[in-house]
């Protein structure tokens, strides 16, 4: 199911489940507990929605990174690779914040709030982002290996004092790309650890909310 429609359906289901029924209905919330429960539910619902929307946003950045790396190193300069590293660092910081936000909900979320449609969606996105982080690690490792191989080959075939080129790139440019590729791989490995941590947190949040 399209995630956008799944999210809307989750919201509709949560509203229907949490609304007190009429006197002729199957159940009703006791007047003395209705307001505190509603306030608690609204607070946790807002937190869960905020967490989910943040993951949706960061997931798009991962898609962009996969697209860029899948295009191959011929289309990437050292500047492009460094910019990608900075973007993925920002994603990692966001995922770390999301994991902490999820942990903060452990003591507040319970089945009575009926948040499981949202926590299930959070778990789904977390797991998907963890898989994408693994895909990025594979692509970055391949990029680094190609960069190292080409730099070594051009260095050995170049005459002393010359300014050798490969596809219009000097050895200096190739070395810069190699260094940027190594940094990128290191940053993606850190991202992978953060995404794995978020997935574990999301799984527990979902279990608690069921």
Protein backbone atom coordinates (compact mmCIF):
# COMPACT_ATOMS: atom_id res chain seq x y z
CA UNK A 1 0.00 0.00 0.00
CA UNK A 2 1.23 3.52 -0.77
CA UNK A 3 2.77 4.88 2.45
CA UNK A 4 0.92 8.20 2.08
CA UNK A 5 -2.45 6.45 2.04
CA UNK A 6 -1.35 4.05 4.78
CA UNK A 7 -0.52 7.04 6.95
CA UNK A 8 -3.95 8.61 6.31
CA UNK A 9 -5.65 5.30 7.04
CA UNK A 10 -3.70 5.00 10.29
CA UNK A 11 -4.86 8.45 11.34
CA UNK A 12 -8.47 7.64 10.51
CA UNK A 13 -8.31 4.34 12.39
CA UNK A 14 -6.77 6.01 15.42
CA UNK A 15 -9.46 8.70 15.48
CA UNK A 16 -12.27 6.18 15.18
CA UNK A 17 -10.82 3.92 17.87
CA UNK A 18 -10.13 6.70 20.36
CA UNK A 19 -13.45 8.60 20.04
CA UNK A 20 -16.00 7.78 22.79
CA UNK A 21 -19.20 6.18 21.48
CA UNK A 22 -22.74 7.38 22.11
CA UNK A 23 -24.92 6.02 24.86
CA UNK A 24 -26.25 3.35 22.52
CA UNK A 25 -22.77 2.27 21.43
CA UNK A 26 -20.65 -0.61 22.57
CA UNK A 27 -18.49 1.38 24.96
CA UNK A 28 -18.05 4.83 26.44
CA UNK A 29 -15.19 6.57 28.22
CA UNK A 30 -16.04 7.38 31.85
CA UNK A 31 -16.54 11.15 32.20
CA UNK A 32 -13.99 11.48 34.99
CA UNK A 33 -11.19 9.88 32.91
CA UNK A 34 -12.06 11.09 29.42
CA UNK A 35 -10.22 14.41 29.48
CA UNK A 36 -6.87 13.20 30.97
CA UNK A 37 -6.82 10.21 28.61
CA UNK A 38 -7.62 12.40 25.62
CA UNK A 39 -4.85 14.86 26.55
CA UNK A 40 -2.35 12.04 26.98
CA UNK A 41 -3.39 10.50 23.69
CA UNK A 42 -3.10 13.81 21.86
CA UNK A 43 0.41 14.37 23.20
CA UNK A 44 1.72 10.95 22.23
CA UNK A 45 -0.09 11.08 18.90
CA UNK A 46 1.60 14.38 18.11
CA UNK A 47 5.00 12.95 19.04
CA UNK A 48 4.48 9.83 16.96
CA UNK A 49 3.32 11.83 13.94
CA UNK A 50 6.31 14.16 14.25
CA UNK A 51 8.70 11.22 14.45
CA UNK A 52 7.12 9.52 11.44
CA UNK A 53 7.21 12.67 9.30
CA UNK A 54 10.87 13.19 10.14
CA UNK A 55 11.69 9.66 9.00
CA UNK A 56 9.79 10.20 5.76
CA UNK A 57 11.89 13.30 5.10
CA UNK A 58 15.21 11.59 5.83
CA UNK A 59 14.22 8.55 3.76
CA UNK A 60 13.99 10.82 0.71
CA UNK A 61 17.55 12.02 1.30
CA UNK A 62 18.73 8.42 1.32
CA UNK A 63 16.96 7.84 -1.99
CA UNK A 64 18.80 10.84 -3.46
CA UNK A 65 22.14 9.53 -2.21
CA UNK A 66 21.51 6.08 -3.68
CA UNK A 67 20.65 7.67 -7.03
CA UNK A 68 23.84 9.74 -6.99
CA UNK A 69 26.13 6.83 -6.12
CA UNK A 70 24.41 4.47 -8.54
CA UNK A 71 25.29 6.82 -11.39
CA UNK A 72 28.95 5.86 -11.02
CA UNK A 73 32.12 7.76 -10.17
CA UNK A 74 32.48 9.25 -13.66
CA UNK A 75 29.70 11.68 -12.79
CA UNK A 76 31.01 12.52 -9.30
CA UNK A 77 33.72 15.03 -8.47
CA UNK A 78 35.51 15.29 -5.13
CA UNK A 79 33.22 18.21 -4.33
CA UNK A 80 30.12 16.14 -5.13
CA UNK A 81 31.30 13.29 -2.92
CA UNK A 82 32.12 15.65 -0.04
CA UNK A 83 28.71 17.31 -0.33
CA UNK A 84 27.09 13.87 -0.18
CA UNK A 85 29.06 13.09 2.98
CA UNK A 86 27.78 16.26 4.63
CA UNK A 87 24.20 15.44 3.72
CA UNK A 88 24.47 11.92 5.11
CA UNK A 89 26.05 13.25 8.30
CA UNK A 90 22.96 15.42 8.75
CA UNK A 91 20.76 12.37 8.16
CA UNK A 92 22.70 10.44 10.80
CA UNK A 93 22.22 13.24 13.34
CA UNK A 94 18.50 13.21 12.58
CA UNK A 95 18.27 9.43 13.02
CA UNK A 96 20.12 9.63 16.33
CA UNK A 97 17.63 12.27 17.45
CA UNK A 98 14.73 10.10 16.32
CA UNK A 99 16.09 7.15 18.30
CA UNK A 100 16.31 9.29 21.43
CA UNK A 101 12.78 10.58 20.85
CA UNK A 102 11.57 7.01 20.52
CA UNK A 103 13.25 6.00 23.78
CA UNK A 104 11.64 8.96 25.53
CA UNK A 105 8.23 7.54 24.59
CA UNK A 106 8.90 4.14 26.18
CA UNK A 107 7.47 5.18 29.54
CA UNK A 108 4.55 7.12 28.03
CA UNK A 109 3.19 4.83 25.32
CA UNK A 110 0.81 2.00 26.23
CA UNK A 111 -1.85 -0.05 24.39
CA UNK A 112 -4.68 2.10 25.74
CA UNK A 113 -3.58 5.00 23.57
CA UNK A 114 -4.00 2.90 20.43
CA UNK A 115 -0.92 4.31 18.68
CA UNK A 116 0.13 1.03 17.09
CA UNK A 117 -0.81 2.12 13.51
CA UNK A 118 1.72 4.93 13.83
CA UNK A 119 4.42 3.00 15.67
CA UNK A 120 4.11 0.24 13.07
CA UNK A 121 4.66 2.81 10.30
CA UNK A 122 7.66 4.18 12.22
CA UNK A 123 9.13 0.68 12.45
CA UNK A 124 8.50 0.13 8.74
CA UNK A 125 10.34 3.29 7.77
CA UNK A 126 13.18 2.61 10.19
CA UNK A 127 13.71 -0.86 8.76
CA UNK A 128 13.56 0.44 5.21
CA UNK A 129 16.13 3.15 5.98
CA UNK A 130 18.43 0.59 7.59
CA UNK A 131 18.35 -1.46 4.39
CA UNK A 132 19.07 1.63 2.33
CA UNK A 133 22.02 2.49 4.57
CA UNK A 134 23.39 -0.98 3.83
CA UNK A 135 22.91 -0.38 0.11
CA UNK A 136 24.76 2.93 0.39
CA UNK A 137 27.64 1.23 2.18
CA UNK A 138 27.99 -1.25 -0.68
CA UNK A 139 27.91 1.53 -3.28
CA UNK A 140 30.41 3.67 -1.38
CA UNK A 141 32.80 0.74 -0.97
CA UNK A 142 32.64 0.11 -4.72
CA UNK A 143 33.25 3.79 -5.42
CA UNK A 144 36.28 3.82 -3.15
CA UNK A 145 37.75 0.70 -4.74
CA UNK A 146 37.36 2.14 -8.22
CA UNK A 147 38.90 5.43 -7.17
CA UNK A 148 41.90 3.75 -5.54
CA UNK A 149 42.47 1.52 -8.56
CA UNK A 150 42.39 4.37 -11.07
CA UNK A 151 44.60 6.61 -8.96
CA UNK A 152 47.20 3.87 -8.58
CA UNK A 153 47.13 3.02 -12.28
CA UNK A 154 47.57 6.63 -13.37
CA UNK A 155 50.32 7.24 -10.82
CA UNK A 156 52.39 4.30 -12.11
CA UNK A 157 51.96 5.24 -15.77
CA UNK A 158 52.76 8.92 -15.37
CA UNK A 159 56.12 10.39 -16.28
CA UNK A 160 57.95 12.33 -13.54
CA UNK A 161 57.07 16.00 -13.56
CA UNK A 162 54.15 15.58 -15.95
CA UNK A 163 50.54 16.43 -15.29
CA UNK A 164 48.87 13.15 -16.26
CA UNK A 165 45.18 13.07 -16.91
CA UNK A 166 42.41 10.49 -17.05
CA UNK A 167 39.24 11.67 -18.66
CA UNK A 168 40.39 15.24 -18.13
CA UNK A 169 41.35 14.69 -14.47
CA UNK A 170 44.82 15.23 -13.06
CA UNK A 171 46.40 12.96 -10.47
CA UNK A 172 45.74 15.66 -7.89
CA UNK A 173 42.04 15.57 -8.70
CA UNK A 174 41.98 11.78 -8.57
CA UNK A 175 43.68 11.79 -5.18
CA UNK A 176 41.12 14.29 -3.89
CA UNK A 177 38.31 12.02 -5.10
CA UNK A 178 39.91 9.02 -3.45
CA UNK A 179 40.17 10.82 -0.12
CA UNK A 180 36.58 12.06 -0.40
CA UNK A 181 35.42 8.50 -1.19
CA UNK A 182 37.18 7.14 1.89
CA UNK A 183 35.54 9.78 4.06
CA UNK A 184 32.15 9.02 2.53
CA UNK A 185 32.46 5.32 3.31
CA UNK A 186 33.42 6.10 6.89
CA UNK A 187 30.41 8.40 7.29
CA UNK A 188 28.05 5.83 5.80
CA UNK A 189 29.28 3.16 8.22
CA UNK A 190 28.40 5.51 11.07
CA UNK A 191 25.02 6.12 9.45
CA UNK A 192 24.46 2.37 9.30
CA UNK A 193 25.09 2.05 13.02
CA UNK A 194 22.62 4.85 13.70
CA UNK A 195 19.95 3.34 11.45
CA UNK A 196 20.34 -0.04 13.15
CA UNK A 197 19.94 1.60 16.55
CA UNK A 198 16.83 3.43 15.39
CA UNK A 199 15.32 0.21 14.04
CA UNK A 200 15.85 -1.53 17.38
CA UNK A 201 14.26 1.39 19.24
CA UNK A 202 11.32 1.50 16.82
CA UNK A 203 10.73 -2.22 17.24
CA UNK A 204 10.45 -1.88 21.02
CA UNK A 205 8.21 1.18 20.67
CA UNK A 206 5.85 -0.80 18.46
CA UNK A 207 5.82 -3.76 20.87
CA UNK A 208 5.01 -1.48 23.81
CA UNK A 209 2.20 0.25 21.92
CA UNK A 210 0.40 -2.95 20.80
